[in-house]
N, C-alpha and C. Protein backbone atom coordinates (compact mmCIF):
# COMPACT_ATOMS: atom_id res chain seq x y z
N MET A 1 0.86 -1.17 0.00
CA MET A 1 0.00 0.00 0.00
C MET A 1 0.89 1.22 0.00
N THR A 2 0.70 2.09 -0.95
CA THR A 2 1.50 3.30 -1.01
C THR A 2 0.81 4.44 -0.27
N LYS A 3 -0.51 4.55 -0.42
CA LYS A 3 -1.26 5.60 0.28
C LYS A 3 -2.58 5.04 0.80
N ALA A 4 -3.04 5.61 1.88
CA ALA A 4 -4.37 5.37 2.41
C ALA A 4 -4.75 6.65 3.13
N GLN A 5 -5.51 7.49 2.45
CA GLN A 5 -5.80 8.82 3.00
C GLN A 5 -7.07 9.38 2.40
N SER A 6 -7.54 10.46 2.94
CA SER A 6 -8.67 11.19 2.36
C SER A 6 -8.10 12.28 1.46
N ASN A 7 -8.67 12.42 0.26
CA ASN A 7 -8.14 13.45 -0.63
C ASN A 7 -9.20 14.41 -1.18
N GLY A 8 -10.35 14.50 -0.55
CA GLY A 8 -11.37 15.44 -0.99
C GLY A 8 -12.20 14.89 -2.13
N LEU A 9 -11.71 14.97 -3.35
CA LEU A 9 -12.45 14.55 -4.54
C LEU A 9 -12.85 13.08 -4.48
N SER A 10 -11.92 12.21 -4.16
CA SER A 10 -12.20 10.77 -4.12
C SER A 10 -12.49 10.27 -2.70
N GLY A 11 -12.60 11.17 -1.75
CA GLY A 11 -12.89 10.77 -0.38
C GLY A 11 -11.80 9.89 0.20
N ASN A 12 -12.20 8.87 0.94
CA ASN A 12 -11.22 7.92 1.47
C ASN A 12 -10.67 7.14 0.28
N PHE A 13 -9.38 7.22 0.10
CA PHE A 13 -8.74 6.80 -1.13
C PHE A 13 -7.53 5.93 -0.80
N SER A 14 -7.29 4.89 -1.60
CA SER A 14 -6.06 4.13 -1.44
C SER A 14 -5.41 3.91 -2.79
N TYR A 15 -4.11 3.81 -2.77
CA TYR A 15 -3.30 3.67 -3.98
C TYR A 15 -2.24 2.62 -3.72
N HIS A 16 -2.09 1.70 -4.64
CA HIS A 16 -1.14 0.60 -4.48
C HIS A 16 -0.29 0.49 -5.74
N LYS A 17 0.98 0.25 -5.57
CA LYS A 17 1.86 0.00 -6.70
C LYS A 17 2.51 -1.35 -6.47
N ASN A 18 2.35 -2.26 -7.44
CA ASN A 18 2.92 -3.58 -7.22
C ASN A 18 4.23 -3.74 -7.99
N SER A 19 4.85 -4.89 -7.84
CA SER A 19 6.17 -5.12 -8.43
C SER A 19 6.14 -5.25 -9.95
N ASN A 20 4.97 -5.36 -10.55
CA ASN A 20 4.86 -5.45 -12.00
C ASN A 20 4.53 -4.11 -12.63
N CYS A 21 4.74 -3.03 -11.90
CA CYS A 21 4.52 -1.66 -12.39
C CYS A 21 3.06 -1.28 -12.60
N TYR A 22 2.14 -2.04 -12.04
CA TYR A 22 0.73 -1.66 -12.08
C TYR A 22 0.45 -0.77 -10.88
N GLU A 23 -0.39 0.24 -11.09
CA GLU A 23 -0.84 1.12 -10.01
C GLU A 23 -2.35 0.94 -9.91
N ILE A 24 -2.83 0.63 -8.72
CA ILE A 24 -4.25 0.36 -8.50
C ILE A 24 -4.81 1.42 -7.56
N TYR A 25 -5.95 1.99 -7.95
CA TYR A 25 -6.58 3.06 -7.20
C TYR A 25 -7.99 2.65 -6.76
N TYR A 26 -8.34 2.95 -5.50
CA TYR A 26 -9.68 2.73 -4.97
C TYR A 26 -10.14 4.05 -4.36
N GLY A 27 -11.31 4.51 -4.75
CA GLY A 27 -11.82 5.77 -4.21
C GLY A 27 -13.22 5.65 -3.64
N HIS A 28 -13.60 6.60 -2.82
CA HIS A 28 -14.92 6.73 -2.19
C HIS A 28 -15.18 5.67 -1.13
N LEU A 29 -14.12 5.11 -0.53
CA LEU A 29 -14.28 4.08 0.49
C LEU A 29 -14.96 4.66 1.74
N SER A 30 -15.84 3.88 2.35
CA SER A 30 -16.49 4.36 3.59
C SER A 30 -15.49 4.30 4.74
N LYS A 31 -14.65 3.26 4.74
CA LYS A 31 -13.60 3.14 5.75
C LYS A 31 -12.58 2.11 5.26
N TYR A 32 -11.43 2.10 5.89
CA TYR A 32 -10.37 1.16 5.56
C TYR A 32 -10.51 -0.07 6.44
N ALA A 33 -10.09 -1.21 5.92
CA ALA A 33 -10.09 -2.44 6.72
C ALA A 33 -9.05 -2.31 7.83
N LYS A 34 -9.21 -3.11 8.86
CA LYS A 34 -8.30 -3.07 10.01
C LYS A 34 -6.86 -3.29 9.55
N GLY A 35 -5.97 -2.41 9.99
CA GLY A 35 -4.54 -2.54 9.69
C GLY A 35 -4.10 -1.90 8.38
N ILE A 36 -5.03 -1.37 7.61
CA ILE A 36 -4.66 -0.75 6.33
C ILE A 36 -4.22 0.68 6.57
N LYS A 37 -2.99 0.97 6.18
CA LYS A 37 -2.43 2.31 6.27
C LYS A 37 -1.23 2.39 5.33
N LYS A 38 -0.66 3.55 5.20
CA LYS A 38 0.47 3.76 4.31
C LYS A 38 1.62 2.81 4.66
N ASP A 39 2.25 2.28 3.62
CA ASP A 39 3.44 1.42 3.71
C ASP A 39 3.17 0.05 4.33
N VAL A 40 1.92 -0.39 4.38
CA VAL A 40 1.60 -1.74 4.83
C VAL A 40 1.50 -2.63 3.60
N ARG A 41 2.16 -3.77 3.62
CA ARG A 41 2.11 -4.70 2.49
C ARG A 41 0.72 -5.33 2.42
N VAL A 42 0.15 -5.33 1.22
CA VAL A 42 -1.18 -5.91 1.00
C VAL A 42 -1.04 -7.10 0.07
N ASN A 43 -1.45 -8.26 0.53
CA ASN A 43 -1.39 -9.47 -0.28
C ASN A 43 -2.69 -9.68 -1.03
N GLN A 44 -2.63 -10.46 -2.10
CA GLN A 44 -3.81 -10.79 -2.88
C GLN A 44 -4.87 -11.40 -1.97
N GLY A 45 -6.10 -10.96 -2.15
CA GLY A 45 -7.21 -11.48 -1.36
C GLY A 45 -7.49 -10.72 -0.08
N LYS A 46 -6.61 -9.80 0.30
CA LYS A 46 -6.79 -9.02 1.53
C LYS A 46 -7.84 -7.93 1.32
N VAL A 47 -8.71 -7.74 2.29
CA VAL A 47 -9.69 -6.66 2.24
C VAL A 47 -8.96 -5.35 2.49
N ILE A 48 -9.19 -4.37 1.62
CA ILE A 48 -8.53 -3.07 1.73
C ILE A 48 -9.46 -2.04 2.35
N GLY A 49 -10.71 -2.06 1.93
CA GLY A 49 -11.66 -1.08 2.44
C GLY A 49 -13.07 -1.49 2.07
N TYR A 50 -14.02 -0.60 2.36
CA TYR A 50 -15.43 -0.89 2.17
C TYR A 50 -16.08 0.20 1.32
N VAL A 51 -16.99 -0.23 0.45
CA VAL A 51 -17.68 0.69 -0.45
C VAL A 51 -18.33 1.80 0.35
N GLY A 52 -18.22 3.02 -0.19
CA GLY A 52 -18.78 4.14 0.55
C GLY A 52 -19.28 5.25 -0.33
N MET A 53 -19.39 6.41 0.29
CA MET A 53 -19.96 7.58 -0.36
C MET A 53 -19.17 8.82 0.05
N THR A 54 -17.86 8.69 0.18
CA THR A 54 -17.03 9.82 0.59
C THR A 54 -16.55 10.59 -0.63
N GLY A 55 -16.15 11.81 -0.42
CA GLY A 55 -15.67 12.65 -1.52
C GLY A 55 -16.83 13.23 -2.31
N PHE A 56 -16.59 13.57 -3.56
CA PHE A 56 -17.61 14.16 -4.42
C PHE A 56 -18.39 13.06 -5.12
N THR A 57 -19.41 12.54 -4.47
CA THR A 57 -20.24 11.48 -5.04
C THR A 57 -21.68 11.66 -4.57
N THR A 58 -22.60 11.14 -5.36
CA THR A 58 -24.01 11.26 -4.99
C THR A 58 -24.62 9.94 -4.57
N GLY A 59 -23.83 8.87 -4.61
CA GLY A 59 -24.31 7.56 -4.19
C GLY A 59 -23.14 6.64 -3.86
N ALA A 60 -23.43 5.64 -3.07
CA ALA A 60 -22.38 4.71 -2.65
C ALA A 60 -21.87 3.92 -3.85
N HIS A 61 -20.57 3.90 -4.02
CA HIS A 61 -19.94 3.11 -5.08
C HIS A 61 -18.43 3.07 -4.83
N LEU A 62 -17.75 2.26 -5.61
CA LEU A 62 -16.30 2.16 -5.55
C LEU A 62 -15.72 2.65 -6.86
N ASN A 63 -14.79 3.58 -6.78
CA ASN A 63 -14.06 4.03 -7.96
C ASN A 63 -12.78 3.20 -8.02
N PHE A 64 -12.71 2.31 -9.01
CA PHE A 64 -11.57 1.39 -9.16
C PHE A 64 -10.89 1.68 -10.49
N ARG A 65 -9.60 1.91 -10.45
CA ARG A 65 -8.84 2.20 -11.67
C ARG A 65 -7.49 1.50 -11.62
N ILE A 66 -6.98 1.16 -12.81
CA ILE A 66 -5.65 0.57 -12.91
C ILE A 66 -4.85 1.37 -13.94
N LYS A 67 -3.59 1.61 -13.59
CA LYS A 67 -2.68 2.34 -14.46
C LYS A 67 -1.45 1.46 -14.71
N TYR A 68 -0.97 1.46 -15.95
CA TYR A 68 0.26 0.75 -16.30
C TYR A 68 1.07 1.66 -17.21
N ASN A 69 2.35 1.82 -16.90
CA ASN A 69 3.22 2.74 -17.67
C ASN A 69 2.60 4.13 -17.76
N ASP A 70 2.09 4.63 -16.64
CA ASP A 70 1.51 5.97 -16.53
C ASP A 70 0.25 6.20 -17.35
N ASN A 71 -0.43 5.13 -17.77
CA ASN A 71 -1.68 5.25 -18.53
C ASN A 71 -2.77 4.41 -17.90
N PHE A 72 -3.94 5.03 -17.68
CA PHE A 72 -5.09 4.26 -17.23
C PHE A 72 -5.60 3.44 -18.41
N PHE A 73 -6.14 2.25 -18.13
CA PHE A 73 -6.67 1.41 -19.20
C PHE A 73 -7.87 0.62 -18.69
N ASP A 74 -8.61 0.01 -19.62
CA ASP A 74 -9.80 -0.78 -19.28
C ASP A 74 -9.34 -2.14 -18.78
N PHE A 75 -9.36 -2.33 -17.47
CA PHE A 75 -8.87 -3.56 -16.87
C PHE A 75 -9.67 -4.79 -17.28
N ARG A 76 -10.89 -4.59 -17.79
CA ARG A 76 -11.71 -5.73 -18.21
C ARG A 76 -11.18 -6.38 -19.48
N LYS A 77 -10.26 -5.69 -20.16
CA LYS A 77 -9.71 -6.22 -21.41
C LYS A 77 -8.34 -6.88 -21.25
N ILE A 78 -7.88 -7.05 -20.01
CA ILE A 78 -6.60 -7.71 -19.78
C ILE A 78 -6.75 -9.18 -20.15
N LYS A 79 -5.87 -9.67 -20.97
CA LYS A 79 -5.86 -11.08 -21.32
C LYS A 79 -4.89 -11.79 -20.38
N GLN A 80 -5.43 -12.58 -19.49
CA GLN A 80 -4.62 -13.28 -18.50
C GLN A 80 -4.14 -14.62 -19.06
N PRO A 81 -2.88 -14.93 -18.88
CA PRO A 81 -2.40 -16.25 -19.30
C PRO A 81 -2.95 -17.33 -18.37
N THR A 82 -2.98 -18.55 -18.86
CA THR A 82 -3.39 -19.66 -18.02
C THR A 82 -2.36 -19.83 -16.90
N ALA A 83 -2.85 -19.93 -15.71
CA ALA A 83 -1.95 -20.03 -14.55
C ALA A 83 -1.34 -21.43 -14.46
N ARG A 84 -0.09 -21.47 -14.02
CA ARG A 84 0.56 -22.74 -13.73
C ARG A 84 1.48 -22.53 -12.54
N THR A 85 1.67 -23.55 -11.76
CA THR A 85 2.52 -23.47 -10.59
C THR A 85 3.97 -23.64 -10.99
N LEU A 86 4.80 -22.72 -10.56
CA LEU A 86 6.22 -22.80 -10.87
C LEU A 86 6.96 -23.47 -9.72
N THR A 87 7.96 -24.27 -10.07
CA THR A 87 8.79 -24.93 -9.06
C THR A 87 10.25 -24.88 -9.51
N GLY A 88 11.14 -25.15 -8.61
CA GLY A 88 12.56 -25.28 -8.91
C GLY A 88 13.15 -24.09 -9.64
N GLU A 89 13.88 -24.36 -10.72
CA GLU A 89 14.57 -23.33 -11.49
C GLU A 89 13.60 -22.34 -12.12
N ASP A 90 12.42 -22.83 -12.57
CA ASP A 90 11.42 -21.94 -13.17
C ASP A 90 10.99 -20.87 -12.16
N LYS A 91 10.74 -21.28 -10.91
CA LYS A 91 10.31 -20.34 -9.87
C LYS A 91 11.42 -19.35 -9.55
N LYS A 92 12.65 -19.84 -9.46
CA LYS A 92 13.80 -18.98 -9.17
C LYS A 92 13.98 -17.94 -10.28
N GLU A 93 13.90 -18.38 -11.54
CA GLU A 93 14.05 -17.47 -12.69
C GLU A 93 12.93 -16.42 -12.71
N PHE A 94 11.70 -16.85 -12.43
CA PHE A 94 10.58 -15.92 -12.41
C PHE A 94 10.80 -14.83 -11.36
N LYS A 95 11.20 -15.22 -10.16
CA LYS A 95 11.43 -14.25 -9.10
C LYS A 95 12.54 -13.27 -9.47
N GLU A 96 13.59 -13.75 -10.09
CA GLU A 96 14.70 -12.89 -10.50
C GLU A 96 14.25 -11.87 -11.54
N LYS A 97 13.43 -12.29 -12.49
CA LYS A 97 12.99 -11.42 -13.58
C LYS A 97 11.88 -10.47 -13.18
N ASN A 98 11.19 -10.76 -12.08
CA ASN A 98 10.01 -9.97 -11.71
C ASN A 98 10.21 -9.20 -10.43
N THR A 99 11.43 -8.83 -10.12
CA THR A 99 11.70 -7.98 -8.95
C THR A 99 12.29 -6.66 -9.40
N LYS A 100 11.91 -6.24 -10.62
CA LYS A 100 12.45 -4.98 -11.16
C LYS A 100 11.80 -3.78 -10.47
N SER A 101 12.48 -2.68 -10.57
CA SER A 101 11.96 -1.43 -10.04
C SER A 101 11.30 -0.66 -11.16
N CYS A 102 10.15 -0.04 -10.89
CA CYS A 102 9.42 0.69 -11.92
C CYS A 102 9.93 2.10 -12.08
């Protein structure tokens, strides 16, 4: 988690940057989940916050956005590869190649 704060326009807002250079934004949260704050590591499946009506909004909803290489894009169009479990040398190579800095 890079940020967890109120910013006026988006109300209670959180921003995450992962090791694959994706930036994920959540806005208008009613509150943050227990333990969520700046610089806390968030793992897949962890609850970050709850849908709300904070900031400039007229109804409860979640503003969810993803940015890659400084550009927002339609996350519904991401083509995900078929998942497979890596072991041994494959896992070691994957970790080495995917610990780059953005």
